[in-house]
Amino acid sequence: PSFQLRIRKMTTRWGVNNVTKRIITLNSELIKKDVFLIDYVIVHELCHFYEANHSKNFWNQVSIRFPEYSKARKILRS
């Protein structure tokens, strides 16, 4: 199944997945970041189609697809 991708300026998040409406929105400021970080945010949001929360199972899904996710999270939070 397909989904919509939107880009807009956001002040508190790098990405959002509206699972019900199947819309992923990415922060336009991501374009200024390293591709490694952009890839992480995209994988993170896509994994919400498997798990709509941040449960242990969600993070397992992320780690399968992006093993260095914790490094990317630290960089984005700093």
PDB file of N, CA and C in Angstrom:
ATOM      1  N   PRO A   1       0.825  -1.208   0.000  1.00  0.00           N
ATOM      2  CA  PRO A   1       0.000   0.000   0.000  1.00  0.00           C
ATOM      3  C   PRO A   1       0.861   1.261   0.000  1.00  0.00           C
ATOM      4  N   SER A   2       0.401   2.259  -0.661  1.00  0.00           N
ATOM      5  CA  SER A   2       1.173   3.486  -0.792  1.00  0.00           C
ATOM      6  C   SER A   2       0.876   4.446   0.354  1.00  0.00           C
ATOM      7  N   PHE A   3       1.646   5.502   0.395  1.00  0.00           N
ATOM      8  CA  PHE A   3       1.474   6.558   1.381  1.00  0.00           C
ATOM      9  C   PHE A   3       1.866   7.873   0.739  1.00  0.00           C
ATOM     10  N   GLN A   4       1.469   8.963   1.361  1.00  0.00           N
ATOM     11  CA  GLN A   4       1.851  10.292   0.890  1.00  0.00           C
ATOM     12  C   GLN A   4       3.073  10.767   1.663  1.00  0.00           C
ATOM     13  N   LEU A   5       3.927  11.490   0.989  1.00  0.00           N
ATOM     14  CA  LEU A   5       5.091  12.095   1.625  1.00  0.00           C
ATOM     15  C   LEU A   5       4.949  13.604   1.519  1.00  0.00           C
ATOM     16  N   ARG A   6       5.063  14.269   2.658  1.00  0.00           N
ATOM     17  CA  ARG A   6       4.989  15.732   2.687  1.00  0.00           C
ATOM     18  C   ARG A   6       6.256  16.274   3.334  1.00  0.00           C
ATOM     19  N   ILE A   7       6.611  17.465   2.924  1.00  0.00           N
ATOM     20  CA  ILE A   7       7.767  18.162   3.487  1.00  0.00           C
ATOM     21  C   ILE A   7       7.270  19.513   3.975  1.00  0.00           C
ATOM     22  N   ARG A   8       7.595  19.853   5.219  1.00  0.00           N
ATOM     23  CA  ARG A   8       7.249  21.179   5.724  1.00  0.00           C
ATOM     24  C   ARG A   8       8.168  21.520   6.879  1.00  0.00           C
ATOM     25  N   LYS A   9       8.256  22.788   7.178  1.00  0.00           N
ATOM     26  CA  LYS A   9       9.082  23.225   8.294  1.00  0.00           C
ATOM     27  C   LYS A   9       8.361  22.887   9.602  1.00  0.00           C
ATOM     28  N   MET A  10       9.082  22.215  10.481  1.00  0.00           N
ATOM     29  CA  MET A  10       8.548  21.871  11.795  1.00  0.00           C
ATOM     30  C   MET A  10       9.551  22.353  12.842  1.00  0.00           C
ATOM     31  N   THR A  11       9.052  22.708  13.996  1.00  0.00           N
ATOM     32  CA  THR A  11       9.949  23.268  15.016  1.00  0.00           C
ATOM     33  C   THR A  11      10.388  22.258  16.072  1.00  0.00           C
ATOM     34  N   THR A  12       9.640  21.164  16.245  1.00  0.00           N
ATOM     35  CA  THR A  12       9.987  20.246  17.333  1.00  0.00           C
ATOM     36  C   THR A  12      10.248  18.808  16.895  1.00  0.00           C
ATOM     37  N   ARG A  13      10.015  18.481  15.645  1.00  0.00           N
ATOM     38  CA  ARG A  13      10.188  17.099  15.197  1.00  0.00           C
ATOM     39  C   ARG A  13      10.901  17.035  13.854  1.00  0.00           C
ATOM     40  N   TRP A  14      11.576  15.901  13.631  1.00  0.00           N
ATOM     41  CA  TRP A  14      12.232  15.679  12.344  1.00  0.00           C
ATOM     42  C   TRP A  14      11.291  14.980  11.376  1.00  0.00           C
ATOM     43  N   GLY A  15      10.325  14.252  11.914  1.00  0.00           N
ATOM     44  CA  GLY A  15       9.372  13.555  11.060  1.00  0.00           C
ATOM     45  C   GLY A  15       8.156  13.120  11.850  1.00  0.00           C
ATOM     46  N   VAL A  16       7.063  12.900  11.134  1.00  0.00           N
ATOM     47  CA  VAL A  16       5.808  12.457  11.741  1.00  0.00           C
ATOM     48  C   VAL A  16       5.159  11.470  10.774  1.00  0.00           C
ATOM     49  N   ASN A  17       4.589  10.400  11.335  1.00  0.00           N
ATOM     50  CA  ASN A  17       3.839   9.456  10.520  1.00  0.00           C
ATOM     51  C   ASN A  17       2.410   9.412  11.035  1.00  0.00           C
ATOM     52  N   ASN A  18       1.476   9.840  10.191  1.00  0.00           N
ATOM     53  CA  ASN A  18       0.061   9.685  10.495  1.00  0.00           C
ATOM     54  C   ASN A  18      -0.346   8.349   9.888  1.00  0.00           C
ATOM     55  N   VAL A  19      -0.293   7.306  10.722  1.00  0.00           N
ATOM     56  CA  VAL A  19      -0.519   5.941  10.251  1.00  0.00           C
ATOM     57  C   VAL A  19      -1.916   5.779   9.669  1.00  0.00           C
ATOM     58  N   THR A  20      -2.899   6.362  10.301  1.00  0.00           N
ATOM     59  CA  THR A  20      -4.288   6.229   9.850  1.00  0.00           C
ATOM     60  C   THR A  20      -4.488   6.818   8.455  1.00  0.00           C
ATOM     61  N   LYS A  21      -3.967   8.015   8.236  1.00  0.00           N
ATOM     62  CA  LYS A  21      -4.112   8.671   6.934  1.00  0.00           C
ATOM     63  C   LYS A  21      -3.015   8.280   5.944  1.00  0.00           C
ATOM     64  N   ARG A  22      -2.003   7.513   6.437  1.00  0.00           N
ATOM     65  CA  ARG A  22      -0.868   7.063   5.621  1.00  0.00           C
ATOM     66  C   ARG A  22      -0.123   8.250   5.023  1.00  0.00           C
ATOM     67  N   ILE A  23       0.214   9.205   5.899  1.00  0.00           N
ATOM     68  CA  ILE A  23       0.968  10.394   5.488  1.00  0.00           C
ATOM     69  C   ILE A  23       2.216  10.507   6.352  1.00  0.00           C
ATOM     70  N   ILE A  24       3.372  10.533   5.709  1.00  0.00           N
ATOM     71  CA  ILE A  24       4.625  10.807   6.402  1.00  0.00           C
ATOM     72  C   ILE A  24       5.015  12.235   6.074  1.00  0.00           C
ATOM     73  N   THR A  25       5.292  13.011   7.117  1.00  0.00           N
ATOM     74  CA  THR A  25       5.734  14.394   6.939  1.00  0.00           C
ATOM     75  C   THR A  25       7.155  14.502   7.466  1.00  0.00           C
ATOM     76  N   LEU A  26       8.046  15.043   6.642  1.00  0.00           N
ATOM     77  CA  LEU A  26       9.433  15.248   7.040  1.00  0.00           C
ATOM     78  C   LEU A  26       9.703  16.735   7.193  1.00  0.00           C
ATOM     79  N   ASN A  27      10.526  17.057   8.160  1.00  0.00           N
ATOM     80  CA  ASN A  27      10.925  18.431   8.418  1.00  0.00           C
ATOM     81  C   ASN A  27      11.823  18.916   7.277  1.00  0.00           C
ATOM     82  N   SER A  28      11.508  20.050   6.705  1.00  0.00           N
ATOM     83  CA  SER A  28      12.304  20.587   5.595  1.00  0.00           C
ATOM     84  C   SER A  28      13.745  20.886   6.007  1.00  0.00           C
ATOM     85  N   GLU A  29      13.992  21.068   7.293  1.00  0.00           N
ATOM     86  CA  GLU A  29      15.358  21.335   7.774  1.00  0.00           C
ATOM     87  C   GLU A  29      16.254  20.095   7.664  1.00  0.00           C
ATOM     88  N   LEU A  30      15.666  18.929   7.447  1.00  0.00           N
ATOM     89  CA  LEU A  30      16.461  17.711   7.293  1.00  0.00           C
ATOM     90  C   LEU A  30      17.430  17.800   6.125  1.00  0.00           C
ATOM     91  N   ILE A  31      17.073  18.570   5.103  1.00  0.00           N
ATOM     92  CA  ILE A  31      17.915  18.670   3.910  1.00  0.00           C
ATOM     93  C   ILE A  31      19.308  19.212   4.245  1.00  0.00           C
ATOM     94  N   LYS A  32      19.430  19.888   5.376  1.00  0.00           N
ATOM     95  CA  LYS A  32      20.709  20.450   5.813  1.00  0.00           C
ATOM     96  C   LYS A  32      21.552  19.435   6.581  1.00  0.00           C
ATOM     97  N   LYS A  33      20.986  18.258   6.834  1.00  0.00           N
ATOM     98  CA  LYS A  33      21.668  17.233   7.623  1.00  0.00           C
ATOM     99  C   LYS A  33      22.366  16.220   6.726  1.00  0.00           C
ATOM    100  N   ASP A  34      23.259  15.471   7.327  1.00  0.00           N
ATOM    101  CA  ASP A  34      23.973  14.404   6.635  1.00  0.00           C
ATOM    102  C   ASP A  34      22.982  13.332   6.167  1.00  0.00           C
ATOM    103  N   VAL A  35      23.296  12.682   5.052  1.00  0.00           N
ATOM    104  CA  VAL A  35      22.421  11.640   4.501  1.00  0.00           C
ATOM    105  C   VAL A  35      22.180  10.524   5.521  1.00  0.00           C
ATOM    106  N   PHE A  36      23.169  10.213   6.337  1.00  0.00           N
ATOM    107  CA  PHE A  36      23.035   9.216   7.399  1.00  0.00           C
ATOM    108  C   PHE A  36      21.849   9.543   8.311  1.00  0.00           C
ATOM    109  N   LEU A  37      21.701  10.805   8.663  1.00  0.00           N
ATOM    110  CA  LEU A  37      20.618  11.238   9.546  1.00  0.00           C
ATOM    111  C   LEU A  37      19.274  11.255   8.828  1.00  0.00           C
ATOM    112  N   ILE A  38      19.290  11.676   7.579  1.00  0.00           N
ATOM    113  CA  ILE A  38      18.058  11.668   6.778  1.00  0.00           C
ATOM    114  C   ILE A  38      17.550  10.236   6.633  1.00  0.00           C
ATOM    115  N   ASP A  39      18.465   9.312   6.337  1.00  0.00           N
ATOM    116  CA  ASP A  39      18.086   7.907   6.209  1.00  0.00           C
ATOM    117  C   ASP A  39      17.462   7.390   7.500  1.00  0.00           C
ATOM    118  N   TYR A  40      18.056   7.749   8.632  1.00  0.00           N
ATOM    119  CA  TYR A  40      17.508   7.299   9.912  1.00  0.00           C
ATOM    120  C   TYR A  40      16.071   7.792  10.108  1.00  0.00           C
ATOM    121  N   VAL A  41      15.831   9.068   9.854  1.00  0.00           N
ATOM    122  CA  VAL A  41      14.487   9.622  10.065  1.00  0.00           C
ATOM    123  C   VAL A  41      13.479   8.928   9.148  1.00  0.00           C
ATOM    124  N   ILE A  42      13.860   8.673   7.918  1.00  0.00           N
ATOM    125  CA  ILE A  42      12.958   8.003   6.981  1.00  0.00           C
ATOM    126  C   ILE A  42      12.662   6.582   7.455  1.00  0.00           C
ATOM    127  N   VAL A  43      13.697   5.847   7.848  1.00  0.00           N
ATOM    128  CA  VAL A  43      13.483   4.482   8.357  1.00  0.00           C
ATOM    129  C   VAL A  43      12.594   4.514   9.593  1.00  0.00           C
ATOM    130  N   HIS A  44      12.867   5.450  10.498  1.00  0.00           N
ATOM    131  CA  HIS A  44      12.086   5.586  11.728  1.00  0.00           C
ATOM    132  C   HIS A  44      10.601   5.771  11.394  1.00  0.00           C
ATOM    133  N   GLU A  45      10.312   6.703  10.503  1.00  0.00           N
ATOM    134  CA  GLU A  45       8.910   6.962  10.164  1.00  0.00           C
ATOM    135  C   GLU A  45       8.269   5.800   9.431  1.00  0.00           C
ATOM    136  N   LEU A  46       8.991   5.149   8.547  1.00  0.00           N
ATOM    137  CA  LEU A  46       8.432   3.984   7.851  1.00  0.00           C
ATOM    138  C   LEU A  46       8.131   2.841   8.821  1.00  0.00           C
ATOM    139  N   CYS A  47       8.961   2.679   9.845  1.00  0.00           N
ATOM    140  CA  CYS A  47       8.738   1.606  10.823  1.00  0.00           C
ATOM    141  C   CYS A  47       7.457   1.819  11.616  1.00  0.00           C
ATOM    142  N   HIS A  48       6.959   3.037  11.647  1.00  0.00           N
ATOM    143  CA  HIS A  48       5.689   3.270  12.327  1.00  0.00           C
ATOM    144  C   HIS A  48       4.524   2.586  11.610  1.00  0.00           C
ATOM    145  N   PHE A  49       4.702   2.188  10.357  1.00  0.00           N
ATOM    146  CA  PHE A  49       3.661   1.410   9.690  1.00  0.00           C
ATOM    147  C   PHE A  49       3.571   0.004  10.280  1.00  0.00           C
ATOM    148  N   TYR A  50       4.657  -0.480  10.901  1.00  0.00           N
ATOM    149  CA  TYR A  50       4.646  -1.773  11.601  1.00  0.00           C
ATOM    150  C   TYR A  50       4.172  -1.613  13.039  1.00  0.00           C
ATOM    151  N   GLU A  51       4.666  -0.581  13.694  1.00  0.00           N
ATOM    152  CA  GLU A  51       4.321  -0.298  15.090  1.00  0.00           C
ATOM    153  C   GLU A  51       4.039   1.196  15.196  1.00  0.00           C
ATOM    154  N   ALA A  52       2.845   1.561  15.596  1.00  0.00           N
ATOM    155  CA  ALA A  52       2.455   2.977  15.627  1.00  0.00           C
ATOM    156  C   ALA A  52       2.942   3.695  16.879  1.00  0.00           C
ATOM    157  N   ASN A  53       3.755   3.040  17.679  1.00  0.00           N
ATOM    158  CA  ASN A  53       4.236   3.637  18.927  1.00  0.00           C
ATOM    159  C   ASN A  53       5.755   3.498  19.002  1.00  0.00           C
ATOM    160  N   HIS A  54       6.326   3.782  20.152  1.00  0.00           N
ATOM    161  CA  HIS A  54       7.773   3.635  20.346  1.00  0.00           C
ATOM    162  C   HIS A  54       8.062   2.497  21.327  1.00  0.00           C
ATOM    163  N   SER A  55       7.372   1.388  21.138  1.00  0.00           N
ATOM    164  CA  SER A  55       7.543   0.218  21.994  1.00  0.00           C
ATOM    165  C   SER A  55       8.872  -0.477  21.681  1.00  0.00           C
ATOM    166  N   LYS A  56       9.174  -1.478  22.491  1.00  0.00           N
ATOM    167  CA  LYS A  56      10.385  -2.277  22.256  1.00  0.00           C
ATOM    168  C   LYS A  56      10.343  -2.908  20.861  1.00  0.00           C
ATOM    169  N   ASN A  57       9.177  -3.387  20.469  1.00  0.00           N
ATOM    170  CA  ASN A  57       9.038  -3.988  19.147  1.00  0.00           C
ATOM    171  C   ASN A  57       9.318  -2.975  18.034  1.00  0.00           C
ATOM    172  N   PHE A  58       8.866  -1.731  18.223  1.00  0.00           N
ATOM    173  CA  PHE A  58       9.156  -0.681  17.243  1.00  0.00           C
ATOM    174  C   PHE A  58      10.666  -0.510  17.088  1.00  0.00           C
ATOM    175  N   TRP A  59      11.373  -0.362  18.220  1.00  0.00           N
ATOM    176  CA  TRP A  59      12.823  -0.153  18.156  1.00  0.00           C
ATOM    177  C   TRP A  59      13.542  -1.369  17.590  1.00  0.00           C
ATOM    178  N   ASN A  60      12.993  -2.556  17.785  1.00  0.00           N
ATOM    179  CA  ASN A  60      13.561  -3.747  17.145  1.00  0.00           C
ATOM    180  C   ASN A  60      13.440  -3.643  15.631  1.00  0.00           C
ATOM    181  N   GLN A  61      12.285  -3.180  15.155  1.00  0.00           N
ATOM    182  CA  GLN A  61      12.086  -2.987  13.714  1.00  0.00           C
ATOM    183  C   GLN A  61      13.093  -1.968  13.155  1.00  0.00           C
ATOM    184  N   VAL A  62      13.270  -0.875  13.880  1.00  0.00           N
ATOM    185  CA  VAL A  62      14.222   0.158  13.442  1.00  0.00           C
ATOM    186  C   VAL A  62      15.635  -0.423  13.402  1.00  0.00           C
ATOM    187  N   SER A  63      16.021  -1.146  14.438  1.00  0.00           N
ATOM    188  CA  SER A  63      17.399  -1.655  14.515  1.00  0.00           C
ATOM    189  C   SER A  63      17.702  -2.678  13.424  1.00  0.00           C
ATOM    190  N   ILE A  64      16.700  -3.426  13.003  1.00  0.00           N
ATOM    191  CA  ILE A  64      16.899  -4.374  11.893  1.00  0.00           C
ATOM    192  C   ILE A  64      17.244  -3.623  10.614  1.00  0.00           C
ATOM    193  N   ARG A  65      16.579  -2.507  10.402  1.00  0.00           N
ATOM    194  CA  ARG A  65      16.748  -1.746   9.161  1.00  0.00           C
ATOM    195  C   ARG A  65      17.822  -0.658   9.240  1.00  0.00           C
ATOM    196  N   PHE A  66      18.148  -0.245  10.448  1.00  0.00           N
ATOM    197  CA  PHE A  66      19.132   0.831  10.633  1.00  0.00           C
ATOM    198  C   PHE A  66      19.896   0.555  11.932  1.00  0.00           C
ATOM    199  N   PRO A  67      20.876  -0.366  11.879  1.00  0.00           N
ATOM    200  CA  PRO A  67      21.578  -0.790  13.095  1.00  0.00           C
ATOM    201  C   PRO A  67      22.223   0.333  13.908  1.00  0.00           C
ATOM    202  N   GLU A  68      22.613   1.414  13.276  1.00  0.00           N
ATOM    203  CA  GLU A  68      23.260   2.516  13.998  1.00  0.00           C
ATOM    204  C   GLU A  68      22.264   3.607  14.394  1.00  0.00           C
ATOM    205  N   TYR A  69      21.024   3.217  14.636  1.00  0.00           N
ATOM    206  CA  TYR A  69      19.990   4.205  14.938  1.00  0.00           C
ATOM    207  C   TYR A  69      20.288   5.010  16.199  1.00  0.00           C
ATOM    208  N   SER A  70      20.892   4.394  17.209  1.00  0.00           N
ATOM    209  CA  SER A  70      21.141   5.138  18.455  1.00  0.00           C
ATOM    210  C   SER A  70      22.162   6.252  18.235  1.00  0.00           C
ATOM    211  N   LYS A  71      23.133   6.018  17.371  1.00  0.00           N
ATOM    212  CA  LYS A  71      24.108   7.061  17.030  1.00  0.00           C
ATOM    213  C   LYS A  71      23.405   8.231  16.334  1.00  0.00           C
ATOM    214  N   ALA A  72      22.524   7.925  15.396  1.00  0.00           N
ATOM    215  CA  ALA A  72      21.791   8.963  14.666  1.00  0.00           C
ATOM    216  C   ALA A  72      20.898   9.750  15.618  1.00  0.00           C
ATOM    217  N   ARG A  73      20.225   9.067  16.523  1.00  0.00           N
ATOM    218  CA  ARG A  73      19.354   9.756  17.500  1.00  0.00           C
ATOM    219  C   ARG A  73      20.139  10.738  18.354  1.00  0.00           C
ATOM    220  N   LYS A  74      21.310  10.312  18.807  1.00  0.00           N
ATOM    221  CA  LYS A  74      22.148  11.189  19.644  1.00  0.00           C
ATOM    222  C   LYS A  74      22.545  12.448  18.874  1.00  0.00           C
ATOM    223  N   ILE A  75      22.930  12.279  17.625  1.00  0.00           N
ATOM    224  CA  ILE A  75      23.336  13.431  16.814  1.00  0.00           C
ATOM    225  C   ILE A  75      22.162  14.376  16.613  1.00  0.00           C
ATOM    226  N   LEU A  76      21.005  13.852  16.297  1.00  0.00           N
ATOM    227  CA  LEU A  76      19.835  14.702  16.039  1.00  0.00           C
ATOM    228  C   LEU A  76      19.365  15.423  17.312  1.00  0.00           C
ATOM    229  N   ARG A  77      19.597  14.831  18.454  1.00  0.00           N
ATOM    230  CA  ARG A  77      19.171  15.452  19.717  1.00  0.00           C
ATOM    231  C   ARG A  77      20.151  16.486  20.240  1.00  0.00           C
ATOM    232  N   SER A  78      21.352  16.486  19.695  1.00  0.00           N
ATOM    233  CA  SER A  78      22.368  17.438  20.202  1.00  0.00           C
ATOM    234  C   SER A  78      22.295  18.784  19.513  1.00  0.00           C
TER     235      SER A  78
END
